Structure formats: C-alpha cells, structure tokens
C-alpha cells in the first residue's frame, strides 16, 4: 500500500503549539485513534490480499471465481476506507 502513512507516524505526529491552537490532548487522542484505524485497515488489506492469492492459486472453479469477486470487493472497500482515513489525516495536518 504505497502512499499510506504508517500508523506509527500518525500516532507519533506532533504539532507546534500556538496561542490559539487546538487542545493538545484532543489532537493526540484523535491521532492515536486514527493510527489504530490505519493499522487495522492495513492488516485487513494484507489479510484479504493473502486470501485472494490462496483462492486464485487453487484454480478456476465457479465458487472460487465468486470468492475472488467478493474478496476483490472487500479489498476495494478497505482501500476506500484507508483513503478516507488518509484524507482526514491530511486535512487535519493541513489545518495546523
């Protein structure tokens, strides 16, 4: 998953403190939650990609093709979710 911000980078991100800035504990909590979500999404994509590879390696039975389609859809949904998380992070960082 190129382009994904590693969860450790999200959780460890620090911002400059400004006079009228955000509440530091609120931002830190948000980043920790975002890092957990990012890690879960990355693990889920890896799991689904491994499952898809196992299914493809078994051959071309009709059931396998159905499973490939389901797993492909699930991978796409997780990737969309990851992009949404990444966009939220990018917006949050851009506002600071």
PDB file of N, CA and C in Angstrom:
ATOM      1  N   UNK A   1       0.828  -1.182   0.000  1.00  0.00           N
ATOM      2  CA  UNK A   1       0.000   0.000   0.000  1.00  0.00           C
ATOM      3  C   UNK A   1       0.867   1.238   0.000  1.00  0.00           C
ATOM      4  N   UNK A   2       1.347   1.586  -1.121  1.00  0.00           N
ATOM      5  CA  UNK A   2       2.183   2.774  -1.181  1.00  0.00           C
ATOM      6  C   UNK A   2       1.339   4.011  -0.922  1.00  0.00           C
ATOM      7  N   UNK A   3       1.962   5.001  -0.350  1.00  0.00           N
ATOM      8  CA  UNK A   3       1.254   6.241  -0.060  1.00  0.00           C
ATOM      9  C   UNK A   3       0.548   6.269   1.277  1.00  0.00           C
ATOM     10  N   UNK A   4       0.452   5.130   1.936  1.00  0.00           N
ATOM     11  CA  UNK A   4      -0.219   5.088   3.232  1.00  0.00           C
ATOM     12  C   UNK A   4       0.728   5.596   4.310  1.00  0.00           C
ATOM     13  N   UNK A   5       0.228   6.460   5.149  1.00  0.00           N
ATOM     14  CA  UNK A   5       1.021   6.927   6.287  1.00  0.00           C
ATOM     15  C   UNK A   5       1.077   5.814   7.312  1.00  0.00           C
ATOM     16  N   UNK A   6       2.275   5.390   7.712  1.00  0.00           N
ATOM     17  CA  UNK A   6       2.364   4.321   8.706  1.00  0.00           C
ATOM     18  C   UNK A   6       1.691   4.736  10.019  1.00  0.00           C
ATOM     19  N   UNK A   7       1.013   3.795  10.669  1.00  0.00           N
ATOM     20  CA  UNK A   7       0.329   4.113  11.919  1.00  0.00           C
ATOM     21  C   UNK A   7       1.249   4.753  12.960  1.00  0.00           C
ATOM     22  N   UNK A   8       2.527   4.322  12.996  1.00  0.00           N
ATOM     23  CA  UNK A   8       3.457   4.884  13.980  1.00  0.00           C
ATOM     24  C   UNK A   8       3.685   6.377  13.717  1.00  0.00           C
ATOM     25  N   UNK A   9       3.707   6.760  12.429  1.00  0.00           N
ATOM     26  CA  UNK A   9       3.886   8.175  12.093  1.00  0.00           C
ATOM     27  C   UNK A   9       2.673   9.005  12.510  1.00  0.00           C
ATOM     28  N   UNK A  10       1.496   8.402  12.390  1.00  0.00           N
ATOM     29  CA  UNK A  10       0.279   9.112  12.793  1.00  0.00           C
ATOM     30  C   UNK A  10       0.277   9.297  14.307  1.00  0.00           C
ATOM     31  N   UNK A  11       0.500   8.199  15.019  1.00  0.00           N
ATOM     32  CA  UNK A  11       0.441   8.252  16.484  1.00  0.00           C
ATOM     33  C   UNK A  11       1.535   9.145  17.057  1.00  0.00           C
ATOM     34  N   UNK A  12       2.685   9.200  16.408  1.00  0.00           N
ATOM     35  CA  UNK A  12       3.803   9.986  16.916  1.00  0.00           C
ATOM     36  C   UNK A  12       3.853  11.414  16.418  1.00  0.00           C
ATOM     37  N   UNK A  13       2.912  11.819  15.586  1.00  0.00           N
ATOM     38  CA  UNK A  13       2.913  13.162  14.997  1.00  0.00           C
ATOM     39  C   UNK A  13       2.719  14.219  16.073  1.00  0.00           C
ATOM     40  N   UNK A  14       3.537  15.227  16.056  1.00  0.00           N
ATOM     41  CA  UNK A  14       3.430  16.336  16.999  1.00  0.00           C
ATOM     42  C   UNK A  14       3.252  17.630  16.222  1.00  0.00           C
ATOM     43  N   UNK A  15       2.523  18.543  16.791  1.00  0.00           N
ATOM     44  CA  UNK A  15       2.230  19.818  16.156  1.00  0.00           C
ATOM     45  C   UNK A  15       2.802  20.956  16.989  1.00  0.00           C
ATOM     46  N   UNK A  16       3.075  22.047  16.324  1.00  0.00           N
ATOM     47  CA  UNK A  16       3.555  23.238  17.004  1.00  0.00           C
ATOM     48  C   UNK A  16       2.438  23.809  17.868  1.00  0.00           C
ATOM     49  N   UNK A  17       2.783  24.209  19.061  1.00  0.00           N
ATOM     50  CA  UNK A  17       1.803  24.798  19.963  1.00  0.00           C
ATOM     51  C   UNK A  17       1.685  26.284  19.621  1.00  0.00           C
ATOM     52  N   UNK A  18       0.463  26.715  19.410  1.00  0.00           N
ATOM     53  CA  UNK A  18       0.207  28.114  19.086  1.00  0.00           C
ATOM     54  C   UNK A  18      -0.707  28.713  20.161  1.00  0.00           C
ATOM     55  N   UNK A  19      -0.710  30.017  20.254  1.00  0.00           N
ATOM     56  CA  UNK A  19      -1.506  30.704  21.265  1.00  0.00           C
ATOM     57  C   UNK A  19      -2.976  30.293  21.183  1.00  0.00           C
ATOM     58  N   UNK A  20      -3.542  30.304  19.995  1.00  0.00           N
ATOM     59  CA  UNK A  20      -4.948  29.956  19.833  1.00  0.00           C
ATOM     60  C   UNK A  20      -5.081  28.626  19.089  1.00  0.00           C
ATOM     61  N   UNK A  21      -4.253  27.665  19.438  1.00  0.00           N
ATOM     62  CA  UNK A  21      -4.226  26.375  18.751  1.00  0.00           C
ATOM     63  C   UNK A  21      -5.241  25.396  19.301  1.00  0.00           C
ATOM     64  N   UNK A  22      -5.119  24.173  18.846  1.00  0.00           N
ATOM     65  CA  UNK A  22      -6.003  23.102  19.285  1.00  0.00           C
ATOM     66  C   UNK A  22      -5.581  22.584  20.656  1.00  0.00           C
ATOM     67  N   UNK A  23      -6.518  21.939  21.326  1.00  0.00           N
ATOM     68  CA  UNK A  23      -6.227  21.278  22.587  1.00  0.00           C
ATOM     69  C   UNK A  23      -5.312  20.091  22.291  1.00  0.00           C
ATOM     70  N   UNK A  24      -4.135  20.123  22.852  1.00  0.00           N
ATOM     71  CA  UNK A  24      -3.110  19.110  22.552  1.00  0.00           C
ATOM     72  C   UNK A  24      -3.603  17.690  22.866  1.00  0.00           C
ATOM     73  N   UNK A  25      -4.260  17.480  23.988  1.00  0.00           N
ATOM     74  CA  UNK A  25      -4.717  16.134  24.337  1.00  0.00           C
ATOM     75  C   UNK A  25      -5.797  15.651  23.370  1.00  0.00           C
ATOM     76  N   UNK A  26      -6.617  16.559  22.883  1.00  0.00           N
ATOM     77  CA  UNK A  26      -7.649  16.186  21.916  1.00  0.00           C
ATOM     78  C   UNK A  26      -7.017  15.763  20.592  1.00  0.00           C
ATOM     79  N   UNK A  27      -6.037  16.523  20.140  1.00  0.00           N
ATOM     80  CA  UNK A  27      -5.334  16.179  18.896  1.00  0.00           C
ATOM     81  C   UNK A  27      -4.600  14.856  19.067  1.00  0.00           C
ATOM     82  N   UNK A  28      -3.909  14.686  20.186  1.00  0.00           N
ATOM     83  CA  UNK A  28      -3.185  13.435  20.427  1.00  0.00           C
ATOM     84  C   UNK A  28      -4.136  12.241  20.447  1.00  0.00           C
ATOM     85  N   UNK A  29      -5.287  12.395  21.078  1.00  0.00           N
ATOM     86  CA  UNK A  29      -6.274  11.320  21.106  1.00  0.00           C
ATOM     87  C   UNK A  29      -6.794  10.994  19.720  1.00  0.00           C
ATOM     88  N   UNK A  30      -7.065  12.035  18.945  1.00  0.00           N
ATOM     89  CA  UNK A  30      -7.531  11.844  17.570  1.00  0.00           C
ATOM     90  C   UNK A  30      -6.480  11.081  16.767  1.00  0.00           C
ATOM     91  N   UNK A  31      -5.225  11.474  16.888  1.00  0.00           N
ATOM     92  CA  UNK A  31      -4.155  10.825  16.134  1.00  0.00           C
ATOM     93  C   UNK A  31      -3.964   9.372  16.568  1.00  0.00           C
ATOM     94  N   UNK A  32      -4.091   9.099  17.864  1.00  0.00           N
ATOM     95  CA  UNK A  32      -3.984   7.703  18.330  1.00  0.00           C
ATOM     96  C   UNK A  32      -5.104   6.851  17.728  1.00  0.00           C
ATOM     97  N   UNK A  33      -6.325   7.389  17.739  1.00  0.00           N
ATOM     98  CA  UNK A  33      -7.454   6.651  17.148  1.00  0.00           C
ATOM     99  C   UNK A  33      -7.244   6.443  15.658  1.00  0.00           C
ATOM    100  N   UNK A  34      -6.795   7.482  14.983  1.00  0.00           N
ATOM    101  CA  UNK A  34      -6.541   7.398  13.550  1.00  0.00           C
ATOM    102  C   UNK A  34      -5.454   6.374  13.252  1.00  0.00           C
ATOM    103  N   UNK A  35      -4.414   6.332  14.065  1.00  0.00           N
ATOM    104  CA  UNK A  35      -3.334   5.363  13.887  1.00  0.00           C
ATOM    105  C   UNK A  35      -3.857   3.940  14.056  1.00  0.00           C
ATOM    106  N   UNK A  36      -4.725   3.727  15.053  1.00  0.00           N
ATOM    107  CA  UNK A  36      -5.310   2.387  15.258  1.00  0.00           C
ATOM    108  C   UNK A  36      -6.148   1.980  14.048  1.00  0.00           C
ATOM    109  N   UNK A  37      -6.975   2.914  13.556  1.00  0.00           N
ATOM    110  CA  UNK A  37      -7.803   2.616  12.388  1.00  0.00           C
ATOM    111  C   UNK A  37      -6.939   2.300  11.172  1.00  0.00           C
ATOM    112  N   UNK A  38      -5.888   3.080  10.972  1.00  0.00           N
ATOM    113  CA  UNK A  38      -4.985   2.871   9.839  1.00  0.00           C
ATOM    114  C   UNK A  38      -4.328   1.493   9.949  1.00  0.00           C
ATOM    115  N   UNK A  39      -3.872   1.127  11.135  1.00  0.00           N
ATOM    116  CA  UNK A  39      -3.233  -0.179  11.332  1.00  0.00           C
ATOM    117  C   UNK A  39      -4.225  -1.311  11.046  1.00  0.00           C
ATOM    118  N   UNK A  40      -5.458  -1.163  11.519  1.00  0.00           N
ATOM    119  CA  UNK A  40      -6.484  -2.186  11.266  1.00  0.00           C
ATOM    120  C   UNK A  40      -6.763  -2.315   9.779  1.00  0.00           C
ATOM    121  N   UNK A  41      -6.877  -1.189   9.088  1.00  0.00           N
ATOM    122  CA  UNK A  41      -7.141  -1.221   7.651  1.00  0.00           C
ATOM    123  C   UNK A  41      -5.987  -1.877   6.895  1.00  0.00           C
ATOM    124  N   UNK A  42      -4.769  -1.543   7.260  1.00  0.00           N
ATOM    125  CA  UNK A  42      -3.614  -2.129   6.586  1.00  0.00           C
ATOM    126  C   UNK A  42      -3.551  -3.636   6.815  1.00  0.00           C
ATOM    127  N   UNK A  43      -3.819  -4.068   8.059  1.00  0.00           N
ATOM    128  CA  UNK A  43      -3.835  -5.511   8.355  1.00  0.00           C
ATOM    129  C   UNK A  43      -4.943  -6.207   7.572  1.00  0.00           C
ATOM    130  N   UNK A  44      -6.106  -5.579   7.501  1.00  0.00           N
ATOM    131  CA  UNK A  44      -7.247  -6.179   6.793  1.00  0.00           C
ATOM    132  C   UNK A  44      -6.935  -6.331   5.311  1.00  0.00           C
ATOM    133  N   UNK A  45      -6.335  -5.322   4.708  1.00  0.00           N
ATOM    134  CA  UNK A  45      -5.972  -5.415   3.294  1.00  0.00           C
ATOM    135  C   UNK A  45      -4.974  -6.553   3.091  1.00  0.00           C
ATOM    136  N   UNK A  46      -3.973  -6.643   3.951  1.00  0.00           N
ATOM    137  CA  UNK A  46      -2.982  -7.729   3.835  1.00  0.00           C
ATOM    138  C   UNK A  46      -3.663  -9.092   3.949  1.00  0.00           C
ATOM    139  N   UNK A  47      -4.566  -9.232   4.910  1.00  0.00           N
ATOM    140  CA  UNK A  47      -5.280 -10.499   5.088  1.00  0.00           C
ATOM    141  C   UNK A  47      -6.107 -10.838   3.851  1.00  0.00           C
ATOM    142  N   UNK A  48      -6.822  -9.846   3.341  1.00  0.00           N
ATOM    143  CA  UNK A  48      -7.675 -10.082   2.169  1.00  0.00           C
ATOM    144  C   UNK A  48      -6.850 -10.386   0.925  1.00  0.00           C
ATOM    145  N   UNK A  49      -5.738  -9.703   0.765  1.00  0.00           N
ATOM    146  CA  UNK A  49      -4.881  -9.980  -0.386  1.00  0.00           C
ATOM    147  C   UNK A  49      -4.298 -11.387  -0.301  1.00  0.00           C
ATOM    148  N   UNK A  50      -3.921 -11.828   0.896  1.00  0.00           N
ATOM    149  CA  UNK A  50      -3.406 -13.185   1.076  1.00  0.00           C
ATOM    150  C   UNK A  50      -4.504 -14.211   0.776  1.00  0.00           C
ATOM    151  N   UNK A  51      -5.715 -13.954   1.254  1.00  0.00           N
ATOM    152  CA  UNK A  51      -6.833 -14.850   0.982  1.00  0.00           C
ATOM    153  C   UNK A  51      -7.113 -14.916  -0.514  1.00  0.00           C
ATOM    154  N   UNK A  52      -7.115 -13.783  -1.152  1.00  0.00           N
ATOM    155  CA  UNK A  52      -7.361 -13.740  -2.591  1.00  0.00           C
ATOM    156  C   UNK A  52      -6.296 -14.544  -3.337  1.00  0.00           C
ATOM    157  N   UNK A  53      -5.058 -14.414  -2.947  1.00  0.00           N
ATOM    158  CA  UNK A  53      -3.978 -15.168  -3.593  1.00  0.00           C
ATOM    159  C   UNK A  53      -4.160 -16.668  -3.393  1.00  0.00           C
ATOM    160  N   UNK A  54      -4.554 -17.084  -2.173  1.00  0.00           N
ATOM    161  CA  UNK A  54      -4.807 -18.505  -1.924  1.00  0.00           C
ATOM    162  C   UNK A  54      -5.947 -19.023  -2.796  1.00  0.00           C
ATOM    163  N   UNK A  55      -7.003 -18.217  -2.920  1.00  0.00           N
ATOM    164  CA  UNK A  55      -8.147 -18.622  -3.739  1.00  0.00           C
ATOM    165  C   UNK A  55      -7.723 -18.750  -5.199  1.00  0.00           C
ATOM    166  N   UNK A  56      -6.996 -17.765  -5.685  1.00  0.00           N
ATOM    167  CA  UNK A  56      -6.553 -17.798  -7.092  1.00  0.00           C
ATOM    168  C   UNK A  56      -5.630 -18.981  -7.363  1.00  0.00           C
ATOM    169  N   UNK A  57      -4.808 -19.355  -6.398  1.00  0.00           N
ATOM    170  CA  UNK A  57      -3.843 -20.432  -6.603  1.00  0.00           C
ATOM    171  C   UNK A  57      -4.513 -21.810  -6.649  1.00  0.00           C
ATOM    172  N   UNK A  58      -5.748 -21.904  -6.145  1.00  0.00           N
ATOM    173  CA  UNK A  58      -6.452 -23.200  -6.132  1.00  0.00           C
ATOM    174  C   UNK A  58      -7.037 -23.561  -7.477  1.00  0.00           C
ATOM    175  N   UNK A  59      -7.213 -22.607  -8.349  1.00  0.00           N
ATOM    176  CA  UNK A  59      -7.770 -22.927  -9.659  1.00  0.00           C
ATOM    177  C   UNK A  59      -9.001 -22.110  -9.966  1.00  0.00           C
ATOM    178  N   UNK A  60      -9.688 -22.465 -11.026  1.00  0.00           N
ATOM    179  CA  UNK A  60     -10.753 -21.625 -11.554  1.00  0.00           C
ATOM    180  C   UNK A  60     -12.157 -22.143 -11.378  1.00  0.00           C
ATOM    181  N   UNK A  61     -12.458 -22.846 -10.309  1.00  0.00           N
ATOM    182  CA  UNK A  61     -13.827 -23.322 -10.088  1.00  0.00           C
ATOM    183  C   UNK A  61     -14.776 -22.139  -9.941  1.00  0.00           C
ATOM    184  N   UNK A  62     -16.050 -22.355 -10.269  1.00  0.00           N
ATOM    185  CA  UNK A  62     -17.039 -21.279 -10.185  1.00  0.00           C
ATOM    186  C   UNK A  62     -17.093 -20.648  -8.804  1.00  0.00           C
ATOM    187  N   UNK A  63     -17.046 -21.479  -7.778  1.00  0.00           N
ATOM    188  CA  UNK A  63     -17.085 -20.966  -6.413  1.00  0.00           C
ATOM    189  C   UNK A  63     -15.876 -20.070  -6.164  1.00  0.00           C
ATOM    190  N   UNK A  64     -14.721 -20.522  -6.646  1.00  0.00           N
ATOM    191  CA  UNK A  64     -13.518 -19.720  -6.484  1.00  0.00           C
ATOM    192  C   UNK A  64     -13.680 -18.357  -7.145  1.00  0.00           C
ATOM    193  N   UNK A  65     -14.288 -18.313  -8.316  1.00  0.00           N
ATOM    194  CA  UNK A  65     -14.482 -17.047  -9.010  1.00  0.00           C
ATOM    195  C   UNK A  65     -15.423 -16.128  -8.227  1.00  0.00           C
ATOM    196  N   UNK A  66     -16.433 -16.723  -7.622  1.00  0.00           N
ATOM    197  CA  UNK A  66     -17.334 -15.940  -6.768  1.00  0.00           C
ATOM    198  C   UNK A  66     -16.585 -15.382  -5.574  1.00  0.00           C
ATOM    199  N   UNK A  67     -15.767 -16.228  -4.942  1.00  0.00           N
ATOM    200  CA  UNK A  67     -14.985 -15.782  -3.799  1.00  0.00           C
ATOM    201  C   UNK A  67     -13.996 -14.699  -4.192  1.00  0.00           C
ATOM    202  N   UNK A  68     -13.371 -14.850  -5.358  1.00  0.00           N
ATOM    203  CA  UNK A  68     -12.435 -13.831  -5.842  1.00  0.00           C
ATOM    204  C   UNK A  68     -13.159 -12.501  -5.971  1.00  0.00           C
ATOM    205  N   UNK A  69     -14.354 -12.516  -6.524  1.00  0.00           N
ATOM    206  CA  UNK A  69     -15.119 -11.281  -6.684  1.00  0.00           C
ATOM    207  C   UNK A  69     -15.465 -10.661  -5.332  1.00  0.00           C
ATOM    208  N   UNK A  70     -15.870 -11.491  -4.382  1.00  0.00           N
ATOM    209  CA  UNK A  70     -16.215 -10.990  -3.048  1.00  0.00           C
ATOM    210  C   UNK A  70     -14.984 -10.394  -2.366  1.00  0.00           C
ATOM    211  N   UNK A  71     -13.866 -11.105  -2.428  1.00  0.00           N
ATOM    212  CA  UNK A  71     -12.648 -10.613  -1.787  1.00  0.00           C
ATOM    213  C   UNK A  71     -12.157  -9.352  -2.489  1.00  0.00           C
ATOM    214  N   UNK A  72     -12.223  -9.317  -3.818  1.00  0.00           N
ATOM    215  CA  UNK A  72     -11.843  -8.101  -4.556  1.00  0.00           C
ATOM    216  C   UNK A  72     -12.678  -6.906  -4.098  1.00  0.00           C
ATOM    217  N   UNK A  73     -13.972  -7.122  -3.952  1.00  0.00           N
ATOM    218  CA  UNK A  73     -14.854  -6.044  -3.482  1.00  0.00           C
ATOM    219  C   UNK A  73     -14.482  -5.605  -2.073  1.00  0.00           C
ATOM    220  N   UNK A  74     -14.185  -6.570  -1.220  1.00  0.00           N
ATOM    221  CA  UNK A  74     -13.813  -6.237   0.159  1.00  0.00           C
ATOM    222  C   UNK A  74     -12.506  -5.452   0.192  1.00  0.00           C
ATOM    223  N   UNK A  75     -11.536  -5.863  -0.612  1.00  0.00           N
ATOM    224  CA  UNK A  75     -10.266  -5.139  -0.672  1.00  0.00           C
ATOM    225  C   UNK A  75     -10.510  -3.711  -1.145  1.00  0.00           C
ATOM    226  N   UNK A  76     -11.335  -3.553  -2.152  1.00  0.00           N
ATOM    227  CA  UNK A  76     -11.644  -2.208  -2.656  1.00  0.00           C
ATOM    228  C   UNK A  76     -12.301  -1.357  -1.572  1.00  0.00           C
ATOM    229  N   UNK A  77     -13.211  -1.946  -0.811  1.00  0.00           N
ATOM    230  CA  UNK A  77     -13.888  -1.202   0.255  1.00  0.00           C
ATOM    231  C   UNK A  77     -12.896  -0.783   1.336  1.00  0.00           C
ATOM    232  N   UNK A  78     -11.995  -1.680   1.699  1.00  0.00           N
ATOM    233  CA  UNK A  78     -10.996  -1.344   2.715  1.00  0.00           C
ATOM    234  C   UNK A  78     -10.067  -0.254   2.192  1.00  0.00           C
ATOM    235  N   UNK A  79      -9.672  -0.352   0.934  1.00  0.00           N
ATOM    236  CA  UNK A  79      -8.807   0.693   0.362  1.00  0.00           C
ATOM    237  C   UNK A  79      -9.512   2.051   0.354  1.00  0.00           C
ATOM    238  N   UNK A  80     -10.809   2.052   0.030  1.00  0.00           N
ATOM    239  CA  UNK A  80     -11.563   3.318   0.072  1.00  0.00           C
ATOM    240  C   UNK A  80     -11.575   3.868   1.491  1.00  0.00           C
ATOM    241  N   UNK A  81     -11.773   2.982   2.468  1.00  0.00           N
ATOM    242  CA  UNK A  81     -11.757   3.406   3.866  1.00  0.00           C
ATOM    243  C   UNK A  81     -10.405   3.961   4.263  1.00  0.00           C
ATOM    244  N   UNK A  82      -9.353   3.320   3.805  1.00  0.00           N
ATOM    245  CA  UNK A  82      -7.998   3.797   4.104  1.00  0.00           C
ATOM    246  C   UNK A  82      -7.773   5.167   3.494  1.00  0.00           C
ATOM    247  N   UNK A  83      -8.249   5.364   2.264  1.00  0.00           N
ATOM    248  CA  UNK A  83      -8.100   6.681   1.630  1.00  0.00           C
ATOM    249  C   UNK A  83      -8.860   7.747   2.407  1.00  0.00           C
ATOM    250  N   UNK A  84     -10.036   7.392   2.903  1.00  0.00           N
ATOM    251  CA  UNK A  84     -10.817   8.338   3.699  1.00  0.00           C
ATOM    252  C   UNK A  84     -10.071   8.716   4.968  1.00  0.00           C
ATOM    253  N   UNK A  85      -9.489   7.724   5.632  1.00  0.00           N
ATOM    254  CA  UNK A  85      -8.703   7.996   6.837  1.00  0.00           C
ATOM    255  C   UNK A  85      -7.509   8.882   6.487  1.00  0.00           C
ATOM    256  N   UNK A  86      -6.817   8.549   5.388  1.00  0.00           N
ATOM    257  CA  UNK A  86      -5.647   9.316   4.970  1.00  0.00           C
ATOM    258  C   UNK A  86      -6.035  10.756   4.643  1.00  0.00           C
ATOM    259  N   UNK A  87      -7.156  10.940   3.951  1.00  0.00           N
ATOM    260  CA  UNK A  87      -7.606  12.286   3.614  1.00  0.00           C
ATOM    261  C   UNK A  87      -7.941  13.082   4.868  1.00  0.00           C
ATOM    262  N   UNK A  88      -8.545  12.419   5.853  1.00  0.00           N
ATOM    263  CA  UNK A  88      -8.834  13.089   7.123  1.00  0.00           C
ATOM    264  C   UNK A  88      -7.567  13.523   7.818  1.00  0.00           C
ATOM    265  N   UNK A  89      -6.579  12.657   7.799  1.00  0.00           N
ATOM    266  CA  UNK A  89      -5.288  12.996   8.397  1.00  0.00           C
ATOM    267  C   UNK A  89      -4.648  14.161   7.656  1.00  0.00           C
ATOM    268  N   UNK A  90      -4.650  14.097   6.344  1.00  0.00           N
ATOM    269  CA  UNK A  90      -4.049  15.173   5.545  1.00  0.00           C
ATOM    270  C   UNK A  90      -4.738  16.516   5.819  1.00  0.00           C
ATOM    271  N   UNK A  91      -6.070  16.487   5.939  1.00  0.00           N
ATOM    272  CA  UNK A  91      -6.808  17.720   6.239  1.00  0.00           C
ATOM    273  C   UNK A  91      -6.429  18.246   7.613  1.00  0.00           C
ATOM    274  N   UNK A  92      -6.378  17.322   8.579  1.00  0.00           N
ATOM    275  CA  UNK A  92      -6.055  17.721   9.960  1.00  0.00           C
ATOM    276  C   UNK A  92      -4.666  18.323  10.028  1.00  0.00           C
ATOM    277  N   UNK A  93      -3.715  17.706   9.343  1.00  0.00           N
ATOM    278  CA  UNK A  93      -2.352  18.225   9.347  1.00  0.00           C
ATOM    279  C   UNK A  93      -2.300  19.567   8.619  1.00  0.00           C
ATOM    280  N   UNK A  94      -3.036  19.680   7.522  1.00  0.00           N
ATOM    281  CA  UNK A  94      -3.045  20.916   6.744  1.00  0.00           C
ATOM    282  C   UNK A  94      -3.652  22.086   7.480  1.00  0.00           C
ATOM    283  N   UNK A  95      -4.538  21.814   8.413  1.00  0.00           N
ATOM    284  CA  UNK A  95      -5.188  22.882   9.172  1.00  0.00           C
ATOM    285  C   UNK A  95      -4.297  23.389  10.292  1.00  0.00           C
ATOM    286  N   UNK A  96      -3.230  22.660  10.602  1.00  0.00           N
ATOM    287  CA  UNK A  96      -2.348  23.055  11.700  1.00  0.00           C
ATOM    288  C   UNK A  96      -1.115  23.724  11.190  1.00  0.00           C
TER     289      UNK A  96
END
